[in-house]
Amino acid sequence: NTNYADSVKGRFTISRDNAKNTVYLQMN
């Protein structure tokens, strides 16, 4: 489940890959 600051909603996407122990932030 994700949450975002209002200033980035609709532009940024957070995701995670538990197999790679990695979290991502896609910023558009």
PDB file of all heavy atoms in Angstrom:
ATOM      1  N   ASN A   1       0.860  -1.173   0.000  1.00  0.00           N
ATOM      2  CA  ASN A   1       0.000   0.000   0.000  1.00  0.00           C
ATOM      3  C   ASN A   1       0.905   1.234   0.000  1.00  0.00           C
ATOM      4  O   ASN A   1       1.962   1.245   0.647  1.00  0.00           O
ATOM      5  CB  ASN A   1      -0.905   0.009   1.225  1.00  0.00           C
ATOM      6  CG  ASN A   1      -1.921  -1.113   1.184  1.00  0.00           C
ATOM      7  OD1 ASN A   1      -2.572  -1.343   0.175  1.00  0.00           O
ATOM      8  ND2 ASN A   1      -2.050  -1.843   2.287  1.00  0.00           N
ATOM      9  N   THR A   2       0.462   2.263  -0.702  1.00  0.00           N
ATOM     10  CA  THR A   2       1.327   3.431  -0.897  1.00  0.00           C
ATOM     11  C   THR A   2       0.670   4.706  -0.384  1.00  0.00           C
ATOM     12  O   THR A   2      -0.563   4.794  -0.277  1.00  0.00           O
ATOM     13  CB  THR A   2       1.665   3.609  -2.383  1.00  0.00           C
ATOM     14  OG1 THR A   2       0.457   3.768  -3.130  1.00  0.00           O
ATOM     15  CG2 THR A   2       2.445   2.426  -2.914  1.00  0.00           C
ATOM     16  N   ASN A   3       1.506   5.675  -0.043  1.00  0.00           N
ATOM     17  CA  ASN A   3       1.026   7.001   0.296  1.00  0.00           C
ATOM     18  C   ASN A   3       1.990   8.016  -0.282  1.00  0.00           C
ATOM     19  O   ASN A   3       3.180   7.732  -0.431  1.00  0.00           O
ATOM     20  CB  ASN A   3       0.872   7.171   1.812  1.00  0.00           C
ATOM     21  CG  ASN A   3       2.174   6.961   2.568  1.00  0.00           C
ATOM     22  OD1 ASN A   3       2.622   5.840   2.764  1.00  0.00           O
ATOM     23  ND2 ASN A   3       2.801   8.062   2.987  1.00  0.00           N
ATOM     24  N   TYR A   4       1.455   9.201  -0.604  1.00  0.00           N
ATOM     25  CA  TYR A   4       2.245  10.231  -1.279  1.00  0.00           C
ATOM     26  C   TYR A   4       1.976  11.601  -0.682  1.00  0.00           C
ATOM     27  O   TYR A   4       0.859  11.888  -0.235  1.00  0.00           O
ATOM     28  CB  TYR A   4       1.891  10.283  -2.766  1.00  0.00           C
ATOM     29  CG  TYR A   4       2.211   9.024  -3.521  1.00  0.00           C
ATOM     30  CD1 TYR A   4       1.249   8.037  -3.697  1.00  0.00           C
ATOM     31  CD2 TYR A   4       3.480   8.812  -4.054  1.00  0.00           C
ATOM     32  CE1 TYR A   4       1.540   6.871  -4.388  1.00  0.00           C
ATOM     33  CE2 TYR A   4       3.784   7.651  -4.743  1.00  0.00           C
ATOM     34  CZ  TYR A   4       2.806   6.681  -4.901  1.00  0.00           C
ATOM     35  OH  TYR A   4       3.097   5.522  -5.584  1.00  0.00           O
ATOM     36  N   ALA A   5       2.986  12.436  -0.737  1.00  0.00           N
ATOM     37  CA  ALA A   5       2.773  13.843  -0.441  1.00  0.00           C
ATOM     38  C   ALA A   5       1.889  14.435  -1.533  1.00  0.00           C
ATOM     39  O   ALA A   5       1.959  14.031  -2.697  1.00  0.00           O
ATOM     40  CB  ALA A   5       4.113  14.571  -0.400  1.00  0.00           C
ATOM     41  N   ASP A   6       1.054  15.395  -1.161  1.00  0.00           N
ATOM     42  CA  ASP A   6       0.147  16.011  -2.136  1.00  0.00           C
ATOM     43  C   ASP A   6       0.909  16.604  -3.315  1.00  0.00           C
ATOM     44  O   ASP A   6       0.429  16.576  -4.449  1.00  0.00           O
ATOM     45  CB  ASP A   6      -0.691  17.098  -1.462  1.00  0.00           C
ATOM     46  CG  ASP A   6      -1.756  16.530  -0.550  1.00  0.00           C
ATOM     47  OD1 ASP A   6      -2.062  15.323  -0.652  1.00  0.00           O
ATOM     48  OD2 ASP A   6      -2.287  17.298   0.274  1.00  0.00           O
ATOM     49  N   SER A   7       2.086  17.102  -3.051  1.00  0.00           N
ATOM     50  CA  SER A   7       2.854  17.796  -4.082  1.00  0.00           C
ATOM     51  C   SER A   7       3.356  16.860  -5.187  1.00  0.00           C
ATOM     52  O   SER A   7       3.754  17.335  -6.254  1.00  0.00           O
ATOM     53  CB  SER A   7       4.046  18.523  -3.460  1.00  0.00           C
ATOM     54  OG  SER A   7       4.892  17.608  -2.772  1.00  0.00           O
ATOM     55  N   VAL A   8       3.354  15.557  -4.936  1.00  0.00           N
ATOM     56  CA  VAL A   8       3.880  14.630  -5.945  1.00  0.00           C
ATOM     57  C   VAL A   8       2.833  13.638  -6.443  1.00  0.00           C
ATOM     58  O   VAL A   8       3.121  12.833  -7.338  1.00  0.00           O
ATOM     59  CB  VAL A   8       5.111  13.849  -5.414  1.00  0.00           C
ATOM     60  CG1 VAL A   8       6.169  14.820  -4.884  1.00  0.00           C
ATOM     61  CG2 VAL A   8       4.718  12.835  -4.344  1.00  0.00           C
ATOM     62  N   LYS A   9       1.638  13.689  -5.896  1.00  0.00           N
ATOM     63  CA  LYS A   9       0.600  12.751  -6.324  1.00  0.00           C
ATOM     64  C   LYS A   9       0.349  12.871  -7.819  1.00  0.00           C
ATOM     65  O   LYS A   9       0.245  13.972  -8.355  1.00  0.00           O
ATOM     66  CB  LYS A   9      -0.697  13.016  -5.558  1.00  0.00           C
ATOM     67  CG  LYS A   9      -0.726  12.417  -4.166  1.00  0.00           C
ATOM     68  CD  LYS A   9      -2.041  12.700  -3.467  1.00  0.00           C
ATOM     69  CE  LYS A   9      -2.040  12.147  -2.045  1.00  0.00           C
ATOM     70  NZ  LYS A   9      -3.276  12.508  -1.311  1.00  0.00           N
ATOM     71  N   GLY A  10       0.256  11.720  -8.476  1.00  0.00           N
ATOM     72  CA  GLY A  10       0.019  11.707  -9.910  1.00  0.00           C
ATOM     73  C   GLY A  10       1.282  11.831 -10.740  1.00  0.00           C
ATOM     74  O   GLY A  10       1.248  11.629 -11.957  1.00  0.00           O
ATOM     75  N   ARG A  11       2.404  12.167 -10.100  1.00  0.00           N
ATOM     76  CA  ARG A  11       3.661  12.316 -10.842  1.00  0.00           C
ATOM     77  C   ARG A  11       4.703  11.278 -10.406  1.00  0.00           C
ATOM     78  O   ARG A  11       5.510  10.835 -11.226  1.00  0.00           O
ATOM     79  CB  ARG A  11       4.246  13.709 -10.619  1.00  0.00           C
ATOM     80  CG  ARG A  11       3.343  14.836 -11.094  1.00  0.00           C
ATOM     81  CD  ARG A  11       4.066  16.184 -11.036  1.00  0.00           C
ATOM     82  NE  ARG A  11       4.461  16.561  -9.685  1.00  0.00           N
ATOM     83  CZ  ARG A  11       5.719  16.827  -9.320  1.00  0.00           C
ATOM     84  NH1 ARG A  11       6.710  16.749 -10.213  1.00  0.00           N
ATOM     85  NH2 ARG A  11       5.990  17.179  -8.082  1.00  0.00           N
ATOM     86  N   PHE A  12       4.711  10.931  -9.126  1.00  0.00           N
ATOM     87  CA  PHE A  12       5.692   9.986  -8.586  1.00  0.00           C
ATOM     88  C   PHE A  12       5.007   8.664  -8.255  1.00  0.00           C
ATOM     89  O   PHE A  12       3.845   8.633  -7.848  1.00  0.00           O
ATOM     90  CB  PHE A  12       6.323  10.524  -7.304  1.00  0.00           C
ATOM     91  CG  PHE A  12       7.236  11.706  -7.476  1.00  0.00           C
ATOM     92  CD1 PHE A  12       7.330  12.403  -8.670  1.00  0.00           C
ATOM     93  CD2 PHE A  12       8.023  12.137  -6.406  1.00  0.00           C
ATOM     94  CE1 PHE A  12       8.170  13.489  -8.818  1.00  0.00           C
ATOM     95  CE2 PHE A  12       8.873  13.209  -6.522  1.00  0.00           C
ATOM     96  CZ  PHE A  12       8.930  13.896  -7.740  1.00  0.00           C
ATOM     97  N   THR A  13       5.763   7.577  -8.406  1.00  0.00           N
ATOM     98  CA  THR A  13       5.271   6.251  -8.061  1.00  0.00           C
ATOM     99  C   THR A  13       6.340   5.497  -7.277  1.00  0.00           C
ATOM    100  O   THR A  13       7.475   5.365  -7.753  1.00  0.00           O
ATOM    101  CB  THR A  13       4.904   5.451  -9.316  1.00  0.00           C
ATOM    102  OG1 THR A  13       3.927   6.163 -10.082  1.00  0.00           O
ATOM    103  CG2 THR A  13       4.331   4.090  -8.929  1.00  0.00           C
ATOM    104  N   ILE A  14       5.968   5.041  -6.110  1.00  0.00           N
ATOM    105  CA  ILE A  14       6.871   4.224  -5.306  1.00  0.00           C
ATOM    106  C   ILE A  14       6.515   2.749  -5.514  1.00  0.00           C
ATOM    107  O   ILE A  14       5.341   2.396  -5.650  1.00  0.00           O
ATOM    108  CB  ILE A  14       6.799   4.610  -3.812  1.00  0.00           C
ATOM    109  CG1 ILE A  14       7.895   3.897  -3.012  1.00  0.00           C
ATOM    110  CG2 ILE A  14       5.421   4.343  -3.232  1.00  0.00           C
ATOM    111  CD1 ILE A  14       8.017   4.405  -1.570  1.00  0.00           C
ATOM    112  N   SER A  15       7.538   1.913  -5.545  1.00  0.00           N
ATOM    113  CA  SER A  15       7.312   0.475  -5.680  1.00  0.00           C
ATOM    114  C   SER A  15       8.450  -0.263  -4.979  1.00  0.00           C
ATOM    115  O   SER A  15       9.470   0.334  -4.635  1.00  0.00           O
ATOM    116  CB  SER A  15       7.228   0.072  -7.152  1.00  0.00           C
ATOM    117  OG  SER A  15       8.442   0.355  -7.828  1.00  0.00           O
ATOM    118  N   ARG A  16       8.244  -1.552  -4.775  1.00  0.00           N
ATOM    119  CA  ARG A  16       9.275  -2.339  -4.105  1.00  0.00           C
ATOM    120  C   ARG A  16       9.393  -3.704  -4.771  1.00  0.00           C
ATOM    121  O   ARG A  16       8.418  -4.233  -5.294  1.00  0.00           O
ATOM    122  CB  ARG A  16       8.966  -2.499  -2.619  1.00  0.00           C
ATOM    123  CG  ARG A  16       7.708  -3.274  -2.277  1.00  0.00           C
ATOM    124  CD  ARG A  16       7.362  -3.145  -0.794  1.00  0.00           C
ATOM    125  NE  ARG A  16       8.422  -3.651   0.070  1.00  0.00           N
ATOM    126  CZ  ARG A  16       8.581  -3.273   1.338  1.00  0.00           C
ATOM    127  NH1 ARG A  16       7.746  -2.394   1.887  1.00  0.00           N
ATOM    128  NH2 ARG A  16       9.573  -3.789   2.061  1.00  0.00           N
ATOM    129  N   ASP A  17      10.598  -4.246  -4.710  1.00  0.00           N
ATOM    130  CA  ASP A  17      10.865  -5.594  -5.198  1.00  0.00           C
ATOM    131  C   ASP A  17      11.535  -6.332  -4.038  1.00  0.00           C
ATOM    132  O   ASP A  17      12.724  -6.153  -3.795  1.00  0.00           O
ATOM    133  CB  ASP A  17      11.773  -5.542  -6.431  1.00  0.00           C
ATOM    134  CG  ASP A  17      12.005  -6.907  -7.062  1.00  0.00           C
ATOM    135  OD1 ASP A  17      11.850  -7.919  -6.357  1.00  0.00           O
ATOM    136  OD2 ASP A  17      12.364  -6.957  -8.241  1.00  0.00           O
ATOM    137  N   ASN A  18      10.756  -7.128  -3.335  1.00  0.00           N
ATOM    138  CA  ASN A  18      11.290  -7.809  -2.162  1.00  0.00           C
ATOM    139  C   ASN A  18      12.352  -8.844  -2.526  1.00  0.00           C
ATOM    140  O   ASN A  18      13.230  -9.140  -1.715  1.00  0.00           O
ATOM    141  CB  ASN A  18      10.164  -8.473  -1.376  1.00  0.00           C
ATOM    142  CG  ASN A  18       9.269  -7.453  -0.679  1.00  0.00           C
ATOM    143  OD1 ASN A  18       9.681  -6.312  -0.424  1.00  0.00           O
ATOM    144  ND2 ASN A  18       8.046  -7.848  -0.401  1.00  0.00           N
ATOM    145  N   ALA A  19      12.286  -9.385  -3.721  1.00  0.00           N
ATOM    146  CA  ALA A  19      13.290 -10.352  -4.149  1.00  0.00           C
ATOM    147  C   ALA A  19      14.659  -9.696  -4.319  1.00  0.00           C
ATOM    148  O   ALA A  19      15.696 -10.347  -4.176  1.00  0.00           O
ATOM    149  CB  ALA A  19      12.866 -11.021  -5.444  1.00  0.00           C
ATOM    150  N   LYS A  20      14.633  -8.390  -4.626  1.00  0.00           N
ATOM    151  CA  LYS A  20      15.892  -7.658  -4.834  1.00  0.00           C
ATOM    152  C   LYS A  20      16.225  -6.747  -3.666  1.00  0.00           C
ATOM    153  O   LYS A  20      17.208  -5.997  -3.719  1.00  0.00           O
ATOM    154  CB  LYS A  20      15.812  -6.837  -6.119  1.00  0.00           C
ATOM    155  CG  LYS A  20      15.691  -7.688  -7.378  1.00  0.00           C
ATOM    156  CD  LYS A  20      15.675  -6.818  -8.619  1.00  0.00           C
ATOM    157  CE  LYS A  20      15.617  -7.671  -9.882  1.00  0.00           C
ATOM    158  NZ  LYS A  20      15.593  -6.846 -11.114  1.00  0.00           N
ATOM    159  N   ASN A  21      15.390  -6.774  -2.629  1.00  0.00           N
ATOM    160  CA  ASN A  21      15.604  -5.884  -1.466  1.00  0.00           C
ATOM    161  C   ASN A  21      15.757  -4.431  -1.905  1.00  0.00           C
ATOM    162  O   ASN A  21      16.618  -3.704  -1.395  1.00  0.00           O
ATOM    163  CB  ASN A  21      16.840  -6.322  -0.673  1.00  0.00           C
ATOM    164  CG  ASN A  21      16.634  -7.618   0.091  1.00  0.00           C
ATOM    165  OD1 ASN A  21      15.532  -8.158   0.120  1.00  0.00           O
ATOM    166  ND2 ASN A  21      17.686  -8.117   0.695  1.00  0.00           N
ATOM    167  N   THR A  22      14.918  -4.011  -2.817  1.00  0.00           N
ATOM    168  CA  THR A  22      15.056  -2.694  -3.416  1.00  0.00           C
ATOM    169  C   THR A  22      13.708  -1.979  -3.472  1.00  0.00           C
ATOM    170  O   THR A  22      12.683  -2.590  -3.774  1.00  0.00           O
ATOM    171  CB  THR A  22      15.652  -2.798  -4.830  1.00  0.00           C
ATOM    172  OG1 THR A  22      16.940  -3.424  -4.749  1.00  0.00           O
ATOM    173  CG2 THR A  22      15.819  -1.429  -5.465  1.00  0.00           C
ATOM    174  N   VAL A  23      13.753  -0.681  -3.175  1.00  0.00           N
ATOM    175  CA  VAL A  23      12.587   0.186  -3.324  1.00  0.00           C
ATOM    176  C   VAL A  23      12.918   1.224  -4.388  1.00  0.00           C
ATOM    177  O   VAL A  23      14.059   1.684  -4.490  1.00  0.00           O
ATOM    178  CB  VAL A  23      12.192   0.827  -1.977  1.00  0.00           C
ATOM    179  CG1 VAL A  23      13.297   1.709  -1.418  1.00  0.00           C
ATOM    180  CG2 VAL A  23      10.896   1.611  -2.107  1.00  0.00           C
ATOM    181  N   TYR A  24      11.916   1.581  -5.172  1.00  0.00           N
ATOM    182  CA  TYR A  24      12.096   2.497  -6.291  1.00  0.00           C
ATOM    183  C   TYR A  24      11.204   3.719  -6.124  1.00  0.00           C
ATOM    184  O   TYR A  24      10.163   3.664  -5.476  1.00  0.00           O
ATOM    185  CB  TYR A  24      11.740   1.802  -7.605  1.00  0.00           C
ATOM    186  CG  TYR A  24      12.516   0.539  -7.874  1.00  0.00           C
ATOM    187  CD1 TYR A  24      11.960  -0.707  -7.569  1.00  0.00           C
ATOM    188  CD2 TYR A  24      13.793   0.578  -8.427  1.00  0.00           C
ATOM    189  CE1 TYR A  24      12.663  -1.884  -7.806  1.00  0.00           C
ATOM    190  CE2 TYR A  24      14.507  -0.584  -8.671  1.00  0.00           C
ATOM    191  CZ  TYR A  24      13.934  -1.809  -8.362  1.00  0.00           C
ATOM    192  OH  TYR A  24      14.631  -2.974  -8.602  1.00  0.00           O
ATOM    193  N   LEU A  25      11.623   4.798  -6.762  1.00  0.00           N
ATOM    194  CA  LEU A  25      10.784   5.981  -6.871  1.00  0.00           C
ATOM    195  C   LEU A  25      10.863   6.460  -8.315  1.00  0.00           C
ATOM    196  O   LEU A  25      11.890   6.983  -8.740  1.00  0.00           O
ATOM    197  CB  LEU A  25      11.226   7.090  -5.914  1.00  0.00           C
ATOM    198  CG  LEU A  25      10.297   8.298  -5.874  1.00  0.00           C
ATOM    199  CD1 LEU A  25       8.943   7.921  -5.259  1.00  0.00           C
ATOM    200  CD2 LEU A  25      10.925   9.457  -5.092  1.00  0.00           C
ATOM    201  N   GLN A  26       9.783   6.235  -9.047  1.00  0.00           N
ATOM    202  CA  GLN A  26       9.693   6.734 -10.418  1.00  0.00           C
ATOM    203  C   GLN A  26       9.143   8.151 -10.362  1.00  0.00           C
ATOM    204  O   GLN A  26       8.058   8.381  -9.811  1.00  0.00           O
ATOM    205  CB  GLN A  26       8.765   5.844 -11.249  1.00  0.00           C
ATOM    206  CG  GLN A  26       8.559   6.324 -12.677  1.00  0.00           C
ATOM    207  CD  GLN A  26       9.823   6.244 -13.514  1.00  0.00           C
ATOM    208  OE1 GLN A  26      10.555   5.259 -13.457  1.00  0.00           O
ATOM    209  NE2 GLN A  26      10.076   7.285 -14.296  1.00  0.00           N
ATOM    210  N   MET A  27       9.897   9.087 -10.907  1.00  0.00           N
ATOM    211  CA  MET A  27       9.519  10.494 -10.857  1.00  0.00           C
ATOM    212  C   MET A  27       9.326  11.000 -12.269  1.00  0.00           C
ATOM    213  O   MET A  27      10.280  11.007 -13.068  1.00  0.00           O
ATOM    214  CB  MET A  27      10.604  11.302 -10.140  1.00  0.00           C
ATOM    215  CG  MET A  27      10.933  10.776  -8.755  1.00  0.00           C
ATOM    216  SD  MET A  27      12.094  11.830  -7.856  1.00  0.00           S
ATOM    217  CE  MET A  27      13.550  11.655  -8.877  1.00  0.00           C
ATOM    218  N   ASN A  28       8.101  11.393 -12.574  1.00  0.00           N
ATOM    219  CA  ASN A  28       7.759  11.927 -13.892  1.00  0.00           C
ATOM    220  C   ASN A  28       7.331  13.382 -13.774  1.00  0.00           C
ATOM    221  O   ASN A  28       7.014  13.866 -12.687  1.00  0.00           O
ATOM    222  CB  ASN A  28       6.639  11.102 -14.514  1.00  0.00           C
ATOM    223  CG  ASN A  28       7.018   9.651 -14.729  1.00  0.00           C
ATOM    224  OD1 ASN A  28       8.172   9.319 -14.989  1.00  0.00           O
ATOM    225  ND2 ASN A  28       6.032   8.772 -14.626  1.00  0.00           N
TER     226      ASN A  28
END
